[in-house]
Amino acid sequence: MPINRKSLNMMGSSGTEMNKYSTEVKGDNYYGYSDGLHTIQVVYDQFVGRLRIQATLSLEPESTDWFDLVSGVSIYGSITDQTAAWNADGYIQFNANDPGNGAQAYTFQGNFTHLRVYMDREHVGDGSTYDSSYGTIVRVILSA
């Protein structure tokens, strides 16, 4: 019997926001899938900042239940020549001299009940005032 997998829109355009959490979506474990394989596609447009993938094992997560994915995240493919990599602190960072552009896919594995992404620009400029040179995240889609 085939397993019905799906893709979900986690986040639309970041617009002029400096920091933004995506919608919380259900991961593989919530549905009883045991492979734990997840892929997100992020479409960047001159994006300057950090992106974190966060997960929880809680069925009804609260703010303190979330953790950053630090290991086991790999970048597969891109329509650009981006060289940024996921780092040991749990994020991928794009700087003004090498902003994020185009679509990138990040695949990770874990039996998580819920997932979300966090766009973080607290380290950019004064940390709270948007400038158009910071670009945007156009969308984030999860396939699980």
N, C-alpha and C. Protein backbone atom coordinates (compact mmCIF):
# COMPACT_ATOMS: atom_id res chain seq x y z
N MET A 1 0.84 -1.17 0.00
CA MET A 1 0.00 0.00 0.00
C MET A 1 0.89 1.24 0.00
N PRO A 2 0.67 2.19 -0.92
CA PRO A 2 1.50 3.38 -0.97
C PRO A 2 1.25 4.30 0.22
N ILE A 3 2.31 4.96 0.65
CA ILE A 3 2.20 5.94 1.73
C ILE A 3 1.96 7.30 1.10
N ASN A 4 0.97 7.99 1.60
CA ASN A 4 0.65 9.32 1.07
C ASN A 4 1.55 10.36 1.70
N ARG A 5 2.56 10.79 0.97
CA ARG A 5 3.44 11.86 1.43
C ARG A 5 2.87 13.17 0.91
N LYS A 6 3.34 14.27 1.49
CA LYS A 6 2.81 15.55 1.04
C LYS A 6 3.83 16.65 1.20
N SER A 7 3.58 17.74 0.50
CA SER A 7 4.37 18.95 0.63
C SER A 7 3.48 20.04 1.21
N LEU A 8 4.07 20.81 2.13
CA LEU A 8 3.32 21.86 2.80
C LEU A 8 4.08 23.18 2.72
N ASN A 9 3.36 24.26 2.57
CA ASN A 9 3.98 25.58 2.62
C ASN A 9 4.18 25.94 4.09
N MET A 10 5.44 26.07 4.51
CA MET A 10 5.75 26.41 5.90
C MET A 10 5.78 27.91 6.12
N MET A 11 6.26 28.64 5.11
CA MET A 11 6.39 30.09 5.27
C MET A 11 6.32 30.76 3.91
N GLY A 12 5.54 31.83 3.85
CA GLY A 12 5.50 32.65 2.66
C GLY A 12 6.62 33.69 2.73
N SER A 13 6.50 34.72 1.97
CA SER A 13 7.54 35.75 1.90
C SER A 13 7.80 36.38 3.27
N SER A 14 9.08 36.57 3.55
CA SER A 14 9.46 37.21 4.81
C SER A 14 9.21 38.71 4.77
N GLY A 15 9.04 39.25 3.57
CA GLY A 15 8.75 40.67 3.42
C GLY A 15 9.77 41.54 4.12
N THR A 16 9.32 42.48 4.92
CA THR A 16 10.21 43.41 5.60
C THR A 16 10.49 42.99 7.05
N GLU A 17 10.16 41.77 7.41
CA GLU A 17 10.40 41.31 8.78
C GLU A 17 11.87 40.99 8.98
N MET A 18 12.35 41.30 10.16
CA MET A 18 13.75 41.00 10.50
C MET A 18 13.89 39.58 11.04
N ASN A 19 12.94 39.14 11.83
CA ASN A 19 12.96 37.80 12.41
C ASN A 19 11.57 37.21 12.25
N LYS A 20 11.52 35.92 11.91
CA LYS A 20 10.20 35.34 11.66
C LYS A 20 10.24 33.84 11.87
N TYR A 21 9.24 33.32 12.58
CA TYR A 21 9.03 31.88 12.68
C TYR A 21 8.04 31.47 11.61
N SER A 22 8.26 30.30 11.05
CA SER A 22 7.30 29.77 10.09
C SER A 22 6.12 29.17 10.84
N THR A 23 5.16 28.72 10.09
CA THR A 23 4.08 27.93 10.64
C THR A 23 4.65 26.63 11.18
N GLU A 24 4.13 26.16 12.29
CA GLU A 24 4.53 24.86 12.82
C GLU A 24 3.79 23.79 12.02
N VAL A 25 4.54 22.83 11.48
CA VAL A 25 3.93 21.77 10.69
C VAL A 25 4.25 20.42 11.31
N LYS A 26 3.41 19.45 11.03
CA LYS A 26 3.58 18.11 11.59
C LYS A 26 4.65 17.36 10.82
N GLY A 27 5.55 16.72 11.55
CA GLY A 27 6.62 15.94 10.96
C GLY A 27 6.23 14.48 10.82
N ASP A 28 7.16 13.68 10.32
CA ASP A 28 6.94 12.26 10.08
C ASP A 28 6.40 11.52 11.29
N ASN A 29 6.99 11.74 12.44
CA ASN A 29 6.61 10.98 13.63
C ASN A 29 5.17 11.20 14.02
N TYR A 30 4.66 12.38 13.80
CA TYR A 30 3.27 12.68 14.14
C TYR A 30 2.32 11.73 13.43
N TYR A 31 2.66 11.40 12.18
CA TYR A 31 1.81 10.54 11.38
C TYR A 31 2.18 9.05 11.50
N GLY A 32 3.18 8.75 12.31
CA GLY A 32 3.57 7.36 12.50
C GLY A 32 4.55 6.84 11.48
N TYR A 33 5.09 7.68 10.62
CA TYR A 33 6.11 7.24 9.67
C TYR A 33 7.40 7.02 10.43
N SER A 34 8.14 6.00 10.06
CA SER A 34 9.33 5.66 10.84
C SER A 34 10.65 6.04 10.17
N ASP A 35 10.63 6.48 8.91
CA ASP A 35 11.91 6.80 8.26
C ASP A 35 12.46 8.15 8.68
N GLY A 36 11.60 9.07 9.12
CA GLY A 36 12.04 10.36 9.61
C GLY A 36 12.68 11.26 8.57
N LEU A 37 12.50 10.96 7.30
CA LEU A 37 13.14 11.73 6.24
C LEU A 37 12.30 12.95 5.89
N HIS A 38 12.93 14.13 5.95
CA HIS A 38 12.28 15.40 5.65
C HIS A 38 13.18 16.21 4.72
N THR A 39 12.56 16.97 3.84
CA THR A 39 13.30 17.90 2.99
C THR A 39 12.54 19.21 2.96
N ILE A 40 13.27 20.32 3.13
CA ILE A 40 12.64 21.61 2.92
C ILE A 40 13.32 22.30 1.74
N GLN A 41 12.53 23.04 1.01
CA GLN A 41 13.05 23.88 -0.06
C GLN A 41 12.87 25.32 0.38
N VAL A 42 13.95 26.08 0.31
CA VAL A 42 13.91 27.49 0.65
C VAL A 42 14.29 28.28 -0.60
N VAL A 43 13.46 29.26 -0.93
CA VAL A 43 13.75 30.12 -2.08
C VAL A 43 14.17 31.48 -1.52
N TYR A 44 15.41 31.85 -1.84
CA TYR A 44 16.01 33.09 -1.34
C TYR A 44 16.03 34.14 -2.46
N ASP A 45 15.92 35.41 -2.07
CA ASP A 45 16.08 36.53 -2.99
C ASP A 45 16.98 37.56 -2.33
N GLN A 46 18.29 37.49 -2.61
CA GLN A 46 19.28 38.40 -2.04
C GLN A 46 19.23 38.39 -0.51
N PHE A 47 18.96 37.23 0.07
CA PHE A 47 18.75 37.11 1.51
C PHE A 47 20.05 37.25 2.30
N VAL A 48 20.01 38.12 3.32
CA VAL A 48 21.10 38.29 4.28
C VAL A 48 20.52 37.92 5.64
N GLY A 49 21.12 36.96 6.30
CA GLY A 49 20.65 36.54 7.62
C GLY A 49 20.92 35.07 7.84
N ARG A 50 20.29 34.54 8.87
CA ARG A 50 20.44 33.13 9.22
C ARG A 50 19.11 32.41 9.10
N LEU A 51 19.19 31.14 8.77
CA LEU A 51 18.00 30.28 8.75
C LEU A 51 18.28 29.09 9.65
N ARG A 52 17.34 28.81 10.54
CA ARG A 52 17.43 27.66 11.44
C ARG A 52 16.26 26.73 11.17
N ILE A 53 16.50 25.43 11.22
CA ILE A 53 15.42 24.45 11.20
C ILE A 53 15.27 23.99 12.64
N GLN A 54 14.04 24.05 13.13
CA GLN A 54 13.78 23.65 14.51
C GLN A 54 12.77 22.51 14.54
N ALA A 55 12.89 21.67 15.56
CA ALA A 55 12.02 20.51 15.69
C ALA A 55 11.65 20.30 17.15
N THR A 56 10.66 19.45 17.35
CA THR A 56 10.27 19.05 18.69
C THR A 56 9.74 17.63 18.64
N LEU A 57 9.75 16.98 19.78
CA LEU A 57 9.17 15.65 19.93
C LEU A 57 7.83 15.71 20.64
N SER A 58 7.44 16.89 21.07
CA SER A 58 6.19 17.08 21.79
C SER A 58 5.00 17.03 20.84
N LEU A 59 3.91 16.39 21.29
CA LEU A 59 2.69 16.35 20.48
C LEU A 59 1.97 17.69 20.50
N GLU A 60 2.12 18.45 21.57
CA GLU A 60 1.52 19.78 21.69
C GLU A 60 2.61 20.74 22.15
N PRO A 61 3.47 21.18 21.21
CA PRO A 61 4.66 21.94 21.59
C PRO A 61 4.36 23.32 22.16
N GLU A 62 5.18 23.66 23.15
CA GLU A 62 5.19 25.01 23.72
C GLU A 62 6.52 25.64 23.34
N SER A 63 6.71 26.90 23.63
CA SER A 63 7.90 27.62 23.18
C SER A 63 9.20 26.99 23.67
N THR A 64 9.20 26.36 24.82
CA THR A 64 10.42 25.77 25.38
C THR A 64 10.71 24.36 24.85
N ASP A 65 9.83 23.80 24.03
CA ASP A 65 10.01 22.44 23.51
C ASP A 65 10.86 22.36 22.25
N TRP A 66 11.15 23.49 21.63
CA TRP A 66 11.82 23.51 20.33
C TRP A 66 13.33 23.49 20.48
N PHE A 67 14.01 22.81 19.54
CA PHE A 67 15.47 22.80 19.49
C PHE A 67 15.92 22.96 18.05
N ASP A 68 17.12 23.53 17.88
CA ASP A 68 17.70 23.69 16.54
C ASP A 68 18.29 22.37 16.09
N LEU A 69 18.13 22.04 14.82
CA LEU A 69 18.80 20.87 14.26
C LEU A 69 20.24 21.26 13.99
N VAL A 70 21.15 20.51 14.54
CA VAL A 70 22.57 20.87 14.45
C VAL A 70 23.33 19.92 13.56
N SER A 71 23.06 18.64 13.63
CA SER A 71 23.81 17.69 12.82
C SER A 71 22.85 16.90 11.93
N GLY A 72 23.41 16.28 10.93
CA GLY A 72 22.61 15.47 10.03
C GLY A 72 21.88 16.25 8.97
N VAL A 73 22.21 17.52 8.81
CA VAL A 73 21.56 18.32 7.79
C VAL A 73 22.51 18.45 6.61
N SER A 74 22.03 18.14 5.44
CA SER A 74 22.86 18.20 4.25
C SER A 74 22.19 19.06 3.21
N ILE A 75 22.98 19.72 2.39
CA ILE A 75 22.45 20.53 1.29
C ILE A 75 22.52 19.69 0.02
N TYR A 76 21.39 19.56 -0.66
CA TYR A 76 21.33 18.84 -1.92
C TYR A 76 20.84 19.77 -3.00
N GLY A 77 21.69 20.09 -3.93
CA GLY A 77 21.28 20.82 -5.11
C GLY A 77 20.94 22.28 -4.88
N SER A 78 21.00 23.03 -5.93
CA SER A 78 20.71 24.45 -5.88
C SER A 78 20.67 24.96 -7.30
N ILE A 79 19.92 26.02 -7.53
CA ILE A 79 19.95 26.62 -8.86
C ILE A 79 21.01 27.70 -8.93
N THR A 80 21.76 27.86 -7.83
CA THR A 80 22.86 28.83 -7.81
C THR A 80 24.12 28.12 -7.35
N ASP A 81 25.20 28.85 -7.27
CA ASP A 81 26.46 28.28 -6.82
C ASP A 81 26.75 28.64 -5.37
N GLN A 82 25.72 28.68 -4.55
CA GLN A 82 25.90 29.02 -3.14
C GLN A 82 26.88 28.04 -2.50
N THR A 83 27.75 28.58 -1.67
CA THR A 83 28.73 27.73 -0.98
C THR A 83 28.50 27.70 0.52
N ALA A 84 27.47 28.36 1.01
CA ALA A 84 27.19 28.37 2.44
C ALA A 84 26.84 26.96 2.90
N ALA A 85 27.25 26.63 4.11
CA ALA A 85 26.98 25.31 4.65
C ALA A 85 26.35 25.42 6.03
N TRP A 86 25.62 24.39 6.42
CA TRP A 86 25.04 24.33 7.75
C TRP A 86 26.18 24.25 8.74
N ASN A 87 26.14 25.05 9.79
CA ASN A 87 27.26 25.03 10.73
C ASN A 87 26.89 24.32 12.04
N ALA A 88 27.87 24.14 12.88
CA ALA A 88 27.70 23.40 14.13
C ALA A 88 26.82 24.12 15.14
N ASP A 89 26.53 25.41 14.91
CA ASP A 89 25.65 26.16 15.81
C ASP A 89 24.18 26.04 15.42
N GLY A 90 23.88 25.29 14.36
CA GLY A 90 22.50 25.02 14.00
C GLY A 90 21.86 25.98 13.03
N TYR A 91 22.63 26.63 12.16
CA TYR A 91 22.03 27.51 11.17
C TYR A 91 22.90 27.60 9.93
N ILE A 92 22.29 28.13 8.87
CA ILE A 92 23.03 28.49 7.67
C ILE A 92 22.98 30.01 7.60
N GLN A 93 24.10 30.63 7.27
CA GLN A 93 24.17 32.09 7.30
C GLN A 93 24.59 32.62 5.94
N PHE A 94 23.91 33.68 5.51
CA PHE A 94 24.26 34.39 4.29
C PHE A 94 24.62 35.82 4.66
N ASN A 95 25.72 36.31 4.14
CA ASN A 95 26.21 37.65 4.45
C ASN A 95 25.98 38.59 3.27
N ALA A 96 26.15 39.88 3.51
CA ALA A 96 25.91 40.90 2.48
C ALA A 96 26.79 40.70 1.25
N ASN A 97 28.02 40.19 1.43
CA ASN A 97 28.91 40.00 0.29
C ASN A 97 28.63 38.68 -0.45
N ASP A 98 27.76 37.83 0.10
CA ASP A 98 27.38 36.57 -0.54
C ASP A 98 25.96 36.19 -0.11
N PRO A 99 24.96 36.98 -0.55
CA PRO A 99 23.58 36.73 -0.10
C PRO A 99 23.01 35.45 -0.70
N GLY A 100 21.98 34.92 -0.04
CA GLY A 100 21.29 33.73 -0.54
C GLY A 100 20.43 34.07 -1.73
N ASN A 101 20.56 33.27 -2.78
CA ASN A 101 19.78 33.47 -4.00
C ASN A 101 19.32 32.13 -4.54
N GLY A 102 18.10 32.11 -5.07
CA GLY A 102 17.60 30.91 -5.71
C GLY A 102 17.08 29.89 -4.71
N ALA A 103 16.83 28.70 -5.22
CA ALA A 103 16.24 27.62 -4.42
C ALA A 103 17.32 26.69 -3.90
N GLN A 104 17.20 26.33 -2.64
CA GLN A 104 18.10 25.36 -2.03
C GLN A 104 17.25 24.34 -1.29
N ALA A 105 17.70 23.10 -1.27
CA ALA A 105 17.00 22.04 -0.55
C ALA A 105 17.88 21.53 0.57
N TYR A 106 17.28 21.33 1.73
CA TYR A 106 17.97 20.81 2.90
C TYR A 106 17.25 19.55 3.36
N THR A 107 17.97 18.45 3.39
CA THR A 107 17.38 17.17 3.78
C THR A 107 17.94 16.76 5.13
N PHE A 108 17.07 16.29 6.00
CA PHE A 108 17.48 15.87 7.34
C PHE A 108 16.60 14.72 7.78
N GLN A 109 17.08 13.98 8.76
CA GLN A 109 16.37 12.80 9.21
C GLN A 109 16.22 12.81 10.72
N GLY A 110 15.04 12.50 11.18
CA GLY A 110 14.74 12.41 12.60
C GLY A 110 13.25 12.22 12.79
N ASN A 111 12.86 11.48 13.78
CA ASN A 111 11.43 11.22 14.02
C ASN A 111 10.82 12.35 14.84
N PHE A 112 10.69 13.50 14.22
CA PHE A 112 10.18 14.70 14.86
C PHE A 112 8.67 14.79 14.70
N THR A 113 7.98 15.27 15.73
CA THR A 113 6.52 15.41 15.64
C THR A 113 6.12 16.71 14.95
N HIS A 114 6.90 17.78 15.18
CA HIS A 114 6.60 19.07 14.57
C HIS A 114 7.91 19.72 14.11
N LEU A 115 7.80 20.54 13.08
CA LEU A 115 8.94 21.26 12.52
C LEU A 115 8.56 22.71 12.27
N ARG A 116 9.56 23.56 12.26
CA ARG A 116 9.38 24.95 11.85
C ARG A 116 10.75 25.49 11.45
N VAL A 117 10.75 26.63 10.78
CA VAL A 117 12.02 27.30 10.49
C VAL A 117 11.97 28.67 11.16
N TYR A 118 13.16 29.18 11.43
CA TYR A 118 13.28 30.50 12.05
C TYR A 118 14.26 31.32 11.24
N MET A 119 13.78 32.44 10.71
CA MET A 119 14.62 33.39 10.01
C MET A 119 15.11 34.40 11.04
N ASP A 120 16.42 34.50 11.16
CA ASP A 120 17.05 35.27 12.24
C ASP A 120 17.98 36.33 11.64
N ARG A 121 17.69 37.60 11.94
CA ARG A 121 18.57 38.68 11.50
C ARG A 121 18.97 39.58 12.67
N GLU A 122 18.97 39.02 13.87
CA GLU A 122 19.33 39.81 15.04
C GLU A 122 20.75 40.35 14.96
N HIS A 123 21.60 39.72 14.18
CA HIS A 123 23.00 40.13 14.04
C HIS A 123 23.22 41.07 12.85
N VAL A 124 22.16 41.39 12.09
CA VAL A 124 22.27 42.22 10.89
C VAL A 124 21.88 43.66 11.22
N GLY A 125 22.71 44.60 10.83
CA GLY A 125 22.42 46.02 11.11
C GLY A 125 22.24 46.24 12.60
N ASP A 126 21.15 46.94 12.96
CA ASP A 126 20.88 47.15 14.39
C ASP A 126 20.03 46.03 14.97
N GLY A 127 19.71 45.03 14.15
CA GLY A 127 18.96 43.87 14.62
C GLY A 127 17.46 44.01 14.61
N SER A 128 16.96 45.23 14.32
CA SER A 128 15.51 45.41 14.34
C SER A 128 14.96 46.23 13.18
N THR A 129 15.80 46.97 12.48
CA THR A 129 15.34 47.84 11.39
C THR A 129 15.67 47.21 10.05
N TYR A 130 14.62 46.92 9.26
CA TYR A 130 14.80 46.28 7.96
C TYR A 130 15.35 47.28 6.94
N ASP A 131 16.23 46.80 6.10
CA ASP A 131 16.75 47.56 4.97
C ASP A 131 16.56 46.68 3.74
N SER A 132 16.17 47.24 2.62
CA SER A 132 15.88 46.44 1.43
C SER A 132 17.10 45.64 0.95
N SER A 133 18.30 46.04 1.34
CA SER A 133 19.49 45.29 0.95
C SER A 133 19.58 43.95 1.67
N TYR A 134 18.72 43.71 2.65
CA TYR A 134 18.72 42.44 3.38
C TYR A 134 17.97 41.34 2.63
N GLY A 135 17.24 41.72 1.57
CA GLY A 135 16.53 40.73 0.77
C GLY A 135 15.43 40.02 1.53
N THR A 136 14.98 38.88 0.96
CA THR A 136 13.87 38.15 1.55
C THR A 136 14.05 36.64 1.38
N ILE A 137 13.28 35.93 2.16
CA ILE A 137 13.03 34.51 1.88
C ILE A 137 11.68 34.51 1.18
N VAL A 138 11.63 33.99 -0.02
CA VAL A 138 10.40 34.01 -0.82
C VAL A 138 9.40 33.01 -0.29
N ARG A 139 9.85 31.78 0.03
CA ARG A 139 8.98 30.76 0.59
C ARG A 139 9.80 29.59 1.11
N VAL A 140 9.17 28.81 1.99
CA VAL A 140 9.77 27.58 2.51
C VAL A 140 8.71 26.50 2.39
N ILE A 141 9.07 25.39 1.76
CA ILE A 141 8.16 24.27 1.56
C ILE A 141 8.77 23.02 2.18
N LEU A 142 7.96 22.25 2.89
CA LEU A 142 8.40 20.99 3.49
C LEU A 142 7.81 19.83 2.72
N SER A 143 8.63 18.84 2.47
CA SER A 143 8.18 17.57 1.92
C SER A 143 8.55 16.50 2.91
N ALA A 144 7.55 15.78 3.40
CA ALA A 144 7.81 14.73 4.39
C ALA A 144 7.04 13.48 4.04
